[in-house]
PDB file of all heavy atoms in Angstrom:
ATOM      1  N   TYR A   1     125.476 193.603  17.728  1.00  0.00           N
ATOM      2  CA  TYR A   1     126.712 192.996  17.451  1.00  0.00           C
ATOM      3  C   TYR A   1     126.973 192.912  16.014  1.00  0.00           C
ATOM      4  O   TYR A   1     126.154 192.539  15.203  1.00  0.00           O
ATOM      5  CB  TYR A   1     126.694 191.523  18.019  1.00  0.00           C
ATOM      6  CG  TYR A   1     127.880 190.698  17.694  1.00  0.00           C
ATOM      7  CD1 TYR A   1     129.125 190.899  18.310  1.00  0.00           C
ATOM      8  CD2 TYR A   1     127.844 189.867  16.654  1.00  0.00           C
ATOM      9  CE1 TYR A   1     130.200 190.169  18.007  1.00  0.00           C
ATOM     10  CE2 TYR A   1     129.026 189.015  16.302  1.00  0.00           C
ATOM     11  CZ  TYR A   1     130.152 189.290  17.015  1.00  0.00           C
ATOM     12  OH  TYR A   1     131.263 188.467  16.719  1.00  0.00           O
ATOM     13  N   LEU A   2     128.158 193.469  15.541  1.00  0.00           N
ATOM     14  CA  LEU A   2     128.421 193.437  14.129  1.00  0.00           C
ATOM     15  C   LEU A   2     129.511 192.296  13.755  1.00  0.00           C
ATOM     16  O   LEU A   2     129.320 191.617  12.793  1.00  0.00           O
ATOM     17  CB  LEU A   2     129.061 194.828  13.731  1.00  0.00           C
ATOM     18  CG  LEU A   2     129.259 194.994  12.216  1.00  0.00           C
ATOM     19  CD1 LEU A   2     127.974 194.763  11.465  1.00  0.00           C
ATOM     20  CD2 LEU A   2     129.897 196.352  12.008  1.00  0.00           C
ATOM     21  N   GLY A   3     130.536 192.156  14.643  1.00  0.00           N
ATOM     22  CA  GLY A   3     131.477 191.168  14.381  1.00  0.00           C
ATOM     23  C   GLY A   3     132.823 191.552  14.830  1.00  0.00           C
ATOM     24  O   GLY A   3     133.137 192.589  15.501  1.00  0.00           O
ATOM     25  N   GLY A   4     133.865 190.728  14.381  1.00  0.00           N
ATOM     26  CA  GLY A   4     135.217 191.024  14.731  1.00  0.00           C
ATOM     27  C   GLY A   4     136.035 191.498  13.559  1.00  0.00           C
ATOM     28  O   GLY A   4     135.512 192.095  12.580  1.00  0.00           O
ATOM     29  N   ALA A   5     137.383 191.382  13.629  1.00  0.00           N
ATOM     30  CA  ALA A   5     138.222 191.976  12.620  1.00  0.00           C
ATOM     31  C   ALA A   5     138.030 191.441  11.280  1.00  0.00           C
ATOM     32  O   ALA A   5     137.931 192.207  10.249  1.00  0.00           O
ATOM     33  CB  ALA A   5     139.649 191.733  13.027  1.00  0.00           C
ATOM     34  N   GLU A   6     137.743 190.079  11.181  1.00  0.00           N
ATOM     35  CA  GLU A   6     137.597 189.510   9.841  1.00  0.00           C
ATOM     36  C   GLU A   6     136.335 190.043   9.078  1.00  0.00           C
ATOM     37  O   GLU A   6     136.337 190.362   7.988  1.00  0.00           O
ATOM     38  CB  GLU A   6     137.512 187.957   9.917  1.00  0.00           C
ATOM     39  CG  GLU A   6     138.824 187.346  10.348  1.00  0.00           C
ATOM     40  CD  GLU A   6     139.076 187.471  11.906  1.00  0.00           C
ATOM     41  OE1 GLU A   6     138.164 187.734  12.630  1.00  0.00           O
ATOM     42  OE2 GLU A   6     140.267 187.231  12.282  1.00  0.00           O
ATOM     43  N   LYS A   7     135.194 190.065   9.901  1.00  0.00           N
ATOM     44  CA  LYS A   7     133.978 190.567   9.325  1.00  0.00           C
ATOM     45  C   LYS A   7     134.064 192.119   8.966  1.00  0.00           C
ATOM     46  O   LYS A   7     133.655 192.462   7.858  1.00  0.00           O
ATOM     47  CB  LYS A   7     132.910 190.405  10.347  1.00  0.00           C
ATOM     48  CG  LYS A   7     131.537 191.022   9.983  1.00  0.00           C
ATOM     49  CD  LYS A   7     130.523 189.930   9.618  1.00  0.00           C
ATOM     50  CE  LYS A   7     129.289 190.609   9.095  1.00  0.00           C
ATOM     51  NZ  LYS A   7     128.163 190.283   9.818  1.00  0.00           N
ATOM     52  N   ILE A   8     134.688 192.894   9.787  1.00  0.00           N
ATOM     53  CA  ILE A   8     134.853 194.321   9.456  1.00  0.00           C
ATOM     54  C   ILE A   8     135.743 194.476   8.208  1.00  0.00           C
ATOM     55  O   ILE A   8     135.399 195.262   7.346  1.00  0.00           O
ATOM     56  CB  ILE A   8     135.459 195.111  10.627  1.00  0.00           C
ATOM     57  CG1 ILE A   8     134.621 195.032  11.907  1.00  0.00           C
ATOM     58  CG2 ILE A   8     135.796 196.516  10.281  1.00  0.00           C
ATOM     59  CD1 ILE A   8     133.221 195.532  11.721  1.00  0.00           C
ATOM     60  N   LEU A   9     136.783 193.666   8.102  1.00  0.00           N
ATOM     61  CA  LEU A   9     137.683 193.787   6.916  1.00  0.00           C
ATOM     62  C   LEU A   9     136.881 193.430   5.664  1.00  0.00           C
ATOM     63  O   LEU A   9     136.974 194.123   4.675  1.00  0.00           O
ATOM     64  CB  LEU A   9     138.838 192.891   7.121  1.00  0.00           C
ATOM     65  CG  LEU A   9     139.949 192.991   6.073  1.00  0.00           C
ATOM     66  CD1 LEU A   9     140.515 194.420   5.884  1.00  0.00           C
ATOM     67  CD2 LEU A   9     141.130 192.006   6.436  1.00  0.00           C
ATOM     68  N   LEU A  10     136.131 192.344   5.714  1.00  0.00           N
ATOM     69  CA  LEU A  10     135.310 191.937   4.540  1.00  0.00           C
ATOM     70  C   LEU A  10     134.230 192.951   4.163  1.00  0.00           C
ATOM     71  O   LEU A  10     134.063 193.245   2.990  1.00  0.00           O
ATOM     72  CB  LEU A  10     134.599 190.573   4.797  1.00  0.00           C
ATOM     73  CG  LEU A  10     135.560 189.287   4.804  1.00  0.00           C
ATOM     74  CD1 LEU A  10     134.810 188.091   5.325  1.00  0.00           C
ATOM     75  CD2 LEU A  10     136.109 189.136   3.499  1.00  0.00           C
ATOM     76  N   MET A  11     133.616 193.534   5.195  1.00  0.00           N
ATOM     77  CA  MET A  11     132.614 194.487   4.924  1.00  0.00           C
ATOM     78  C   MET A  11     133.163 195.805   4.299  1.00  0.00           C
ATOM     79  O   MET A  11     132.628 196.442   3.489  1.00  0.00           O
ATOM     80  CB  MET A  11     131.828 194.812   6.222  1.00  0.00           C
ATOM     81  CG  MET A  11     130.920 193.747   6.648  1.00  0.00           C
ATOM     82  SD  MET A  11     130.104 194.260   8.134  1.00  0.00           S
ATOM     83  CE  MET A  11     128.876 195.433   7.606  1.00  0.00           C
ATOM     84  N   ASN A  12     134.443 196.091   4.810  1.00  0.00           N
ATOM     85  CA  ASN A  12     135.097 197.317   4.282  1.00  0.00           C
ATOM     86  C   ASN A  12     135.519 197.166   2.818  1.00  0.00           C
ATOM     87  O   ASN A  12     135.332 198.006   2.015  1.00  0.00           O
ATOM     88  CB  ASN A  12     136.340 197.619   5.152  1.00  0.00           C
ATOM     89  CG  ASN A  12     136.957 198.904   4.875  1.00  0.00           C
ATOM     90  OD1 ASN A  12     136.307 199.936   4.770  1.00  0.00           O
ATOM     91  ND2 ASN A  12     138.360 198.847   4.734  1.00  0.00           N
ATOM     92  N   GLU A  13     136.022 195.971   2.511  1.00  0.00           N
ATOM     93  CA  GLU A  13     136.473 195.710   1.175  1.00  0.00           C
ATOM     94  C   GLU A  13     135.312 195.581   0.176  1.00  0.00           C
ATOM     95  O   GLU A  13     135.413 196.015  -1.026  1.00  0.00           O
ATOM     96  CB  GLU A  13     137.243 194.430   1.086  1.00  0.00           C
ATOM     97  CG  GLU A  13     138.631 194.522   1.784  1.00  0.00           C
ATOM     98  CD  GLU A  13     139.405 193.192   1.820  1.00  0.00           C
ATOM     99  OE1 GLU A  13     138.818 192.060   1.498  1.00  0.00           O
ATOM    100  OE2 GLU A  13     140.557 193.187   2.288  1.00  0.00           O
ATOM    101  N   SER A  14     134.092 195.220   0.627  1.00  0.00           N
ATOM    102  CA  SER A  14     132.951 195.050  -0.246  1.00  0.00           C
ATOM    103  C   SER A  14     132.151 196.340  -0.363  1.00  0.00           C
ATOM    104  O   SER A  14     131.310 196.480  -1.226  1.00  0.00           O
ATOM    105  CB  SER A  14     132.021 193.953   0.217  1.00  0.00           C
ATOM    106  OG  SER A  14     131.389 194.252   1.451  1.00  0.00           O
ATOM    107  N   GLY A  15     132.454 197.232   0.522  1.00  0.00           N
ATOM    108  CA  GLY A  15     131.680 198.590   0.479  1.00  0.00           C
ATOM    109  C   GLY A  15     130.468 198.557   1.378  1.00  0.00           C
ATOM    110  O   GLY A  15     129.817 199.586   1.522  1.00  0.00           O
ATOM    111  N   GLU A  16     130.201 197.414   1.982  1.00  0.00           N
ATOM    112  CA  GLU A  16     129.021 197.305   2.879  1.00  0.00           C
ATOM    113  C   GLU A  16     129.187 198.102   4.098  1.00  0.00           C
ATOM    114  O   GLU A  16     128.216 198.684   4.630  1.00  0.00           O
ATOM    115  CB  GLU A  16     128.932 195.811   3.266  1.00  0.00           C
ATOM    116  CG  GLU A  16     127.623 195.163   3.471  1.00  0.00           C
ATOM    117  CD  GLU A  16     127.706 193.745   3.787  1.00  0.00           C
ATOM    118  OE1 GLU A  16     128.596 192.960   3.326  1.00  0.00           O
ATOM    119  OE2 GLU A  16     126.829 193.340   4.588  1.00  0.00           O
ATOM    120  N   LEU A  17     130.433 198.253   4.614  1.00  0.00           N
ATOM    121  CA  LEU A  17     130.633 198.999   5.782  1.00  0.00           C
ATOM    122  C   LEU A  17     130.427 200.565   5.629  1.00  0.00           C
ATOM    123  O   LEU A  17     129.765 201.161   6.462  1.00  0.00           O
ATOM    124  CB  LEU A  17     132.051 198.854   6.305  1.00  0.00           C
ATOM    125  CG  LEU A  17     132.418 199.484   7.665  1.00  0.00           C
ATOM    126  CD1 LEU A  17     131.599 198.889   8.829  1.00  0.00           C
ATOM    127  CD2 LEU A  17     133.946 199.255   7.945  1.00  0.00           C
ATOM    128  N   GLN A  18     130.729 200.982   4.456  1.00  0.00           N
ATOM    129  CA  GLN A  18     130.519 202.421   4.062  1.00  0.00           C
ATOM    130  C   GLN A  18     129.018 202.760   4.112  1.00  0.00           C
ATOM    131  O   GLN A  18     128.580 203.715   4.594  1.00  0.00           O
ATOM    132  CB  GLN A  18     131.127 202.744   2.714  1.00  0.00           C
ATOM    133  CG  GLN A  18     130.879 204.138   2.186  1.00  0.00           C
ATOM    134  CD  GLN A  18     131.585 205.112   3.061  1.00  0.00           C
ATOM    135  OE1 GLN A  18     132.733 204.857   3.541  1.00  0.00           O
ATOM    136  NE2 GLN A  18     131.053 206.323   3.239  1.00  0.00           N
ATOM    137  N   ASP A  19     128.164 201.806   3.577  1.00  0.00           N
ATOM    138  CA  ASP A  19     126.760 201.995   3.577  1.00  0.00           C
ATOM    139  C   ASP A  19     126.197 202.028   5.031  1.00  0.00           C
ATOM    140  O   ASP A  19     125.319 202.808   5.336  1.00  0.00           O
ATOM    141  CB  ASP A  19     126.069 200.953   2.794  1.00  0.00           C
ATOM    142  CG  ASP A  19     126.417 200.921   1.296  1.00  0.00           C
ATOM    143  OD1 ASP A  19     126.926 202.016   0.814  1.00  0.00           O
ATOM    144  OD2 ASP A  19     126.326 199.878   0.566  1.00  0.00           O
ATOM    145  N   LEU A  20     126.800 201.168   5.838  1.00  0.00           N
ATOM    146  CA  LEU A  20     126.317 201.049   7.187  1.00  0.00           C
ATOM    147  C   LEU A  20     126.633 202.217   8.055  1.00  0.00           C
ATOM    148  O   LEU A  20     125.949 202.596   9.033  1.00  0.00           O
ATOM    149  CB  LEU A  20     126.857 199.761   7.809  1.00  0.00           C
ATOM    150  CG  LEU A  20     126.397 199.325   9.156  1.00  0.00           C
ATOM    151  CD1 LEU A  20     124.872 198.974   9.137  1.00  0.00           C
ATOM    152  CD2 LEU A  20     127.188 198.154   9.695  1.00  0.00           C
ATOM    153  N   LEU A  21     127.771 202.933   7.654  1.00  0.00           N
ATOM    154  CA  LEU A  21     128.242 204.067   8.484  1.00  0.00           C
ATOM    155  C   LEU A  21     127.619 205.390   8.115  1.00  0.00           C
ATOM    156  O   LEU A  21     128.001 206.429   8.623  1.00  0.00           O
ATOM    157  CB  LEU A  21     129.727 204.133   8.341  1.00  0.00           C
ATOM    158  CG  LEU A  21     130.547 202.982   8.927  1.00  0.00           C
ATOM    159  CD1 LEU A  21     132.026 203.186   8.655  1.00  0.00           C
ATOM    160  CD2 LEU A  21     130.277 202.695  10.337  1.00  0.00           C
ATOM    161  N   THR A  22     126.675 205.451   7.148  1.00  0.00           N
ATOM    162  CA  THR A  22     126.095 206.711   6.611  1.00  0.00           C
ATOM    163  C   THR A  22     125.408 207.448   7.795  1.00  0.00           C
ATOM    164  O   THR A  22     125.304 208.653   7.758  1.00  0.00           O
ATOM    165  CB  THR A  22     125.171 206.473   5.539  1.00  0.00           C
ATOM    166  OG1 THR A  22     124.185 205.506   5.885  1.00  0.00           O
ATOM    167  CG2 THR A  22     125.843 205.989   4.322  1.00  0.00           C
ATOM    168  N   LYS A  23     124.802 206.747   8.761  1.00  0.00           N
ATOM    169  CA  LYS A  23     124.004 207.410   9.869  1.00  0.00           C
ATOM    170  C   LYS A  23     124.894 207.735  11.004  1.00  0.00           C
ATOM    171  O   LYS A  23     124.326 208.232  12.035  1.00  0.00           O
ATOM    172  CB  LYS A  23     122.891 206.589  10.172  1.00  0.00           C
ATOM    173  CG  LYS A  23     123.221 205.100  10.694  1.00  0.00           C
ATOM    174  CD  LYS A  23     122.045 204.308  11.016  1.00  0.00           C
ATOM    175  CE  LYS A  23     122.585 202.883  11.438  1.00  0.00           C
ATOM    176  NZ  LYS A  23     121.946 201.816  10.692  1.00  0.00           N
ATOM    177  N   ILE A  24     126.210 207.399  11.049  1.00  0.00           N
ATOM    178  CA  ILE A  24     127.092 207.596  12.152  1.00  0.00           C
ATOM    179  C   ILE A  24     127.697 208.979  12.079  1.00  0.00           C
ATOM    180  O   ILE A  24     128.086 209.465  10.989  1.00  0.00           O
ATOM    181  CB  ILE A  24     128.145 206.533  12.245  1.00  0.00           C
ATOM    182  CG1 ILE A  24     127.567 205.159  12.238  1.00  0.00           C
ATOM    183  CG2 ILE A  24     129.032 206.757  13.485  1.00  0.00           C
ATOM    184  CD1 ILE A  24     126.701 204.802  13.480  1.00  0.00           C
ATOM    185  N   GLU A  25     127.806 209.697  13.219  1.00  0.00           N
ATOM    186  CA  GLU A  25     128.370 210.979  13.302  1.00  0.00           C
ATOM    187  C   GLU A  25     129.818 210.982  12.771  1.00  0.00           C
ATOM    188  O   GLU A  25     130.554 210.118  13.086  1.00  0.00           O
ATOM    189  CB  GLU A  25     128.350 211.522  14.773  1.00  0.00           C
ATOM    190  CG  GLU A  25     128.937 212.841  14.961  1.00  0.00           C
ATOM    191  CD  GLU A  25     128.943 213.314  16.356  1.00  0.00           C
ATOM    192  OE1 GLU A  25     128.312 212.707  17.193  1.00  0.00           O
ATOM    193  OE2 GLU A  25     129.611 214.313  16.644  1.00  0.00           O
ATOM    194  N   ARG A  26     130.175 212.038  11.983  1.00  0.00           N
ATOM    195  CA  ARG A  26     131.528 212.095  11.353  1.00  0.00           C
ATOM    196  C   ARG A  26     132.357 212.996  12.234  1.00  0.00           C
ATOM    197  O   ARG A  26     131.895 213.852  12.960  1.00  0.00           O
ATOM    198  CB  ARG A  26     131.352 212.733   9.972  1.00  0.00           C
ATOM    199  CG  ARG A  26     130.569 211.945   9.033  1.00  0.00           C
ATOM    200  CD  ARG A  26     131.265 210.707   8.600  1.00  0.00           C
ATOM    201  NE  ARG A  26     130.380 209.886   7.794  1.00  0.00           N
ATOM    202  CZ  ARG A  26     130.782 208.860   7.233  1.00  0.00           C
ATOM    203  NH1 ARG A  26     131.936 208.409   7.300  1.00  0.00           N
ATOM    204  NH2 ARG A  26     129.909 208.038   6.516  1.00  0.00           N
ATOM    205  N   VAL A  27     133.694 212.875  12.134  1.00  0.00           N
ATOM    206  CA  VAL A  27     134.661 213.670  12.741  1.00  0.00           C
ATOM    207  C   VAL A  27     135.449 214.350  11.585  1.00  0.00           C
ATOM    208  O   VAL A  27     135.602 213.781  10.577  1.00  0.00           O
ATOM    209  CB  VAL A  27     135.606 212.980  13.707  1.00  0.00           C
ATOM    210  CG1 VAL A  27     134.815 212.411  14.902  1.00  0.00           C
ATOM    211  CG2 VAL A  27     136.304 211.786  12.985  1.00  0.00           C
ATOM    212  N   GLN A  28     135.809 215.590  11.886  1.00  0.00           N
ATOM    213  CA  GLN A  28     136.457 216.415  10.846  1.00  0.00           C
ATOM    214  C   GLN A  28     137.922 215.846  10.598  1.00  0.00           C
ATOM    215  O   GLN A  28     138.234 215.448   9.511  1.00  0.00           O
ATOM    216  CB  GLN A  28     136.676 217.811  11.210  1.00  0.00           C
ATOM    217  CG  GLN A  28     135.232 218.568  11.273  1.00  0.00           C
ATOM    218  CD  GLN A  28     134.551 218.409   9.849  1.00  0.00           C
ATOM    219  OE1 GLN A  28     135.222 218.626   8.814  1.00  0.00           O
ATOM    220  NE2 GLN A  28     133.352 218.151   9.863  1.00  0.00           N
ATOM    221  N   LEU A  29     138.675 215.813  11.588  1.00  0.00           N
ATOM    222  CA  LEU A  29     140.105 215.251  11.481  1.00  0.00           C
ATOM    223  C   LEU A  29     140.232 214.229  12.619  1.00  0.00           C
ATOM    224  O   LEU A  29     139.835 214.504  13.717  1.00  0.00           O
ATOM    225  CB  LEU A  29     141.061 216.424  11.648  1.00  0.00           C
ATOM    226  CG  LEU A  29     141.152 217.468  10.538  1.00  0.00           C
ATOM    227  CD1 LEU A  29     142.035 218.585  10.912  1.00  0.00           C
ATOM    228  CD2 LEU A  29     141.572 216.795   9.231  1.00  0.00           C
ATOM    229  N   PRO A  30     141.002 213.187  12.391  1.00  0.00           N
ATOM    230  CA  PRO A  30     141.299 212.321  13.477  1.00  0.00           C
ATOM    231  C   PRO A  30     142.158 213.076  14.422  1.00  0.00           C
ATOM    232  O   PRO A  30     143.244 213.474  14.144  1.00  0.00           O
ATOM    233  CB  PRO A  30     142.060 211.125  12.781  1.00  0.00           C
ATOM    234  CG  PRO A  30     141.963 211.390  11.279  1.00  0.00           C
ATOM    235  CD  PRO A  30     141.527 212.768  11.113  1.00  0.00           C
ATOM    236  N   GLN A  31     141.654 213.244  15.677  1.00  0.00           N
ATOM    237  CA  GLN A  31     142.384 213.967  16.681  1.00  0.00           C
ATOM    238  C   GLN A  31     142.699 213.133  17.874  1.00  0.00           C
ATOM    239  O   GLN A  31     141.853 212.208  18.201  1.00  0.00           O
ATOM    240  CB  GLN A  31     141.691 215.286  16.999  1.00  0.00           C
ATOM    241  CG  GLN A  31     140.264 215.011  17.477  1.00  0.00           C
ATOM    242  CD  GLN A  31     139.501 216.334  17.595  1.00  0.00           C
ATOM    243  OE1 GLN A  31     139.793 217.312  16.917  1.00  0.00           O
ATOM    244  NE2 GLN A  31     138.457 216.369  18.405  1.00  0.00           N
ATOM    245  N   GLU A  32     143.755 213.424  18.502  1.00  0.00           N
ATOM    246  CA  GLU A  32     144.164 212.762  19.690  1.00  0.00           C
ATOM    247  C   GLU A  32     143.955 213.706  20.838  1.00  0.00           C
ATOM    248  O   GLU A  32     144.323 214.853  20.809  1.00  0.00           O
ATOM    249  CB  GLU A  32     145.644 212.370  19.505  1.00  0.00           C
ATOM    250  CG  GLU A  32     145.908 211.047  20.213  1.00  0.00           C
ATOM    251  CD  GLU A  32     147.361 210.588  19.822  1.00  0.00           C
ATOM    252  OE1 GLU A  32     148.316 211.222  20.319  1.00  0.00           O
ATOM    253  OE2 GLU A  32     147.455 209.630  19.137  1.00  0.00           O
ATOM    254  N   CYS A  33     143.523 213.177  21.915  1.00  0.00           N
ATOM    255  CA  CYS A  33     143.357 214.015  23.147  1.00  0.00           C
ATOM    256  C   CYS A  33     144.799 214.403  23.593  1.00  0.00           C
ATOM    257  O   CYS A  33     145.599 213.633  23.713  1.00  0.00           O
ATOM    258  CB  CYS A  33     142.669 213.171  24.227  1.00  0.00           C
ATOM    259  SG  CYS A  33     142.523 214.046  25.842  1.00  0.00           S
ATOM    260  N   PRO A  34     144.928 215.730  23.884  1.00  0.00           N
ATOM    261  CA  PRO A  34     146.170 216.228  24.379  1.00  0.00           C
ATOM    262  C   PRO A  34     146.545 215.737  25.808  1.00  0.00           C
ATOM    263  O   PRO A  34     147.687 215.672  26.108  1.00  0.00           O
ATOM    264  CB  PRO A  34     145.992 217.740  24.389  1.00  0.00           C
ATOM    265  CG  PRO A  34     144.577 217.980  24.463  1.00  0.00           C
ATOM    266  CD  PRO A  34     143.931 216.822  23.802  1.00  0.00           C
ATOM    267  N   SER A  35     145.507 215.394  26.551  1.00  0.00           N
ATOM    268  CA  SER A  35     145.819 214.916  27.966  1.00  0.00           C
ATOM    269  C   SER A  35     146.252 213.457  27.978  1.00  0.00           C
ATOM    270  O   SER A  35     147.214 213.130  28.641  1.00  0.00           O
ATOM    271  CB  SER A  35     144.578 215.128  28.846  1.00  0.00           C
ATOM    272  OG  SER A  35     144.250 216.426  28.854  1.00  0.00           O
ATOM    273  N   CYS A  36     145.484 212.612  27.380  1.00  0.00           N
ATOM    274  CA  CYS A  36     145.786 211.144  27.501  1.00  0.00           C
ATOM    275  C   CYS A  36     146.356 210.519  26.334  1.00  0.00           C
ATOM    276  O   CYS A  36     146.699 209.305  26.286  1.00  0.00           O
ATOM    277  CB  CYS A  36     144.434 210.369  27.908  1.00  0.00           C
ATOM    278  SG  CYS A  36     143.219 210.408  26.570  1.00  0.00           S
ATOM    279  N   GLY A  37     146.491 211.208  25.185  1.00  0.00           N
ATOM    280  CA  GLY A  37     147.049 210.627  23.954  1.00  0.00           C
ATOM    281  C   GLY A  37     146.148 209.686  23.267  1.00  0.00           C
ATOM    282  O   GLY A  37     146.554 208.897  22.406  1.00  0.00           O
ATOM    283  N   GLY A  38     144.786 209.767  23.570  1.00  0.00           N
ATOM    284  CA  GLY A  38     143.873 208.875  22.910  1.00  0.00           C
ATOM    285  C   GLY A  38     143.495 207.564  23.628  1.00  0.00           C
ATOM    286  O   GLY A  38     142.692 206.840  23.151  1.00  0.00           O
ATOM    287  N   PHE A  39     144.117 207.422  24.813  1.00  0.00           N
ATOM    288  CA  PHE A  39     143.903 206.119  25.545  1.00  0.00           C
ATOM    289  C   PHE A  39     142.621 206.264  26.396  1.00  0.00           C
ATOM    290  O   PHE A  39     142.042 205.185  26.754  1.00  0.00           O
ATOM    291  CB  PHE A  39     145.015 205.803  26.460  1.00  0.00           C
ATOM    292  CG  PHE A  39     146.218 205.207  25.680  1.00  0.00           C
ATOM    293  CD1 PHE A  39     147.295 205.997  25.375  1.00  0.00           C
ATOM    294  CD2 PHE A  39     146.217 203.939  25.300  1.00  0.00           C
ATOM    295  CE1 PHE A  39     148.346 205.453  24.717  1.00  0.00           C
ATOM    296  CE2 PHE A  39     147.197 203.401  24.561  1.00  0.00           C
ATOM    297  CZ  PHE A  39     148.354 204.162  24.242  1.00  0.00           C
ATOM    298  N   GLY A  40     142.167 207.458  26.763  1.00  0.00           N
ATOM    299  CA  GLY A  40     140.977 207.562  27.552  1.00  0.00           C
ATOM    300  C   GLY A  40     141.163 207.475  29.013  1.00  0.00           C
ATOM    301  O   GLY A  40     140.231 207.527  29.785  1.00  0.00           O
ATOM    302  N   PHE A  41     142.362 207.191  29.432  1.00  0.00           N
ATOM    303  CA  PHE A  41     142.770 206.976  30.891  1.00  0.00           C
ATOM    304  C   PHE A  41     144.011 207.690  31.224  1.00  0.00           C
ATOM    305  O   PHE A  41     144.836 207.825  30.344  1.00  0.00           O
ATOM    306  CB  PHE A  41     142.867 205.471  31.206  1.00  0.00           C
ATOM    307  CG  PHE A  41     141.639 204.778  31.222  1.00  0.00           C
ATOM    308  CD1 PHE A  41     141.076 204.116  30.180  1.00  0.00           C
ATOM    309  CD2 PHE A  41     140.867 204.641  32.468  1.00  0.00           C
ATOM    310  CE1 PHE A  41     139.891 203.466  30.172  1.00  0.00           C
ATOM    311  CE2 PHE A  41     139.683 203.916  32.488  1.00  0.00           C
ATOM    312  CZ  PHE A  41     139.166 203.350  31.376  1.00  0.00           C
ATOM    313  N   LEU A  42     144.104 208.166  32.479  1.00  0.00           N
ATOM    314  CA  LEU A  42     145.336 208.769  32.936  1.00  0.00           C
ATOM    315  C   LEU A  42     145.656 208.164  34.307  1.00  0.00           C
ATOM    316  O   LEU A  42     144.789 207.689  35.002  1.00  0.00           O
ATOM    317  CB  LEU A  42     145.052 210.321  33.151  1.00  0.00           C
ATOM    318  CG  LEU A  42     144.930 211.048  31.882  1.00  0.00           C
ATOM    319  CD1 LEU A  42     144.403 212.509  32.243  1.00  0.00           C
ATOM    320  CD2 LEU A  42     146.282 211.228  31.209  1.00  0.00           C
ATOM    321  N   PRO A  43     146.930 208.294  34.781  1.00  0.00           N
ATOM    322  CA  PRO A  43     147.247 207.813  36.123  1.00  0.00           C
ATOM    323  C   PRO A  43     146.455 208.632  37.081  1.00  0.00           C
ATOM    324  O   PRO A  43     146.141 209.781  36.864  1.00  0.00           O
ATOM    325  CB  PRO A  43     148.778 208.153  36.244  1.00  0.00           C
ATOM    326  CG  PRO A  43     149.272 208.138  34.814  1.00  0.00           C
ATOM    327  CD  PRO A  43     148.195 208.727  33.998  1.00  0.00           C
TER     328      PRO A  43
END
């Protein structure tokens, strides 16, 4: 558990979040799924 919006915002502003994310897989470009538009679900 890391926290909610307030904690993420504070960590992002202090640079703490950047340090924590060094081991997480990166994505080249933010891409949206052509089938579901990024929602992950379809009718």
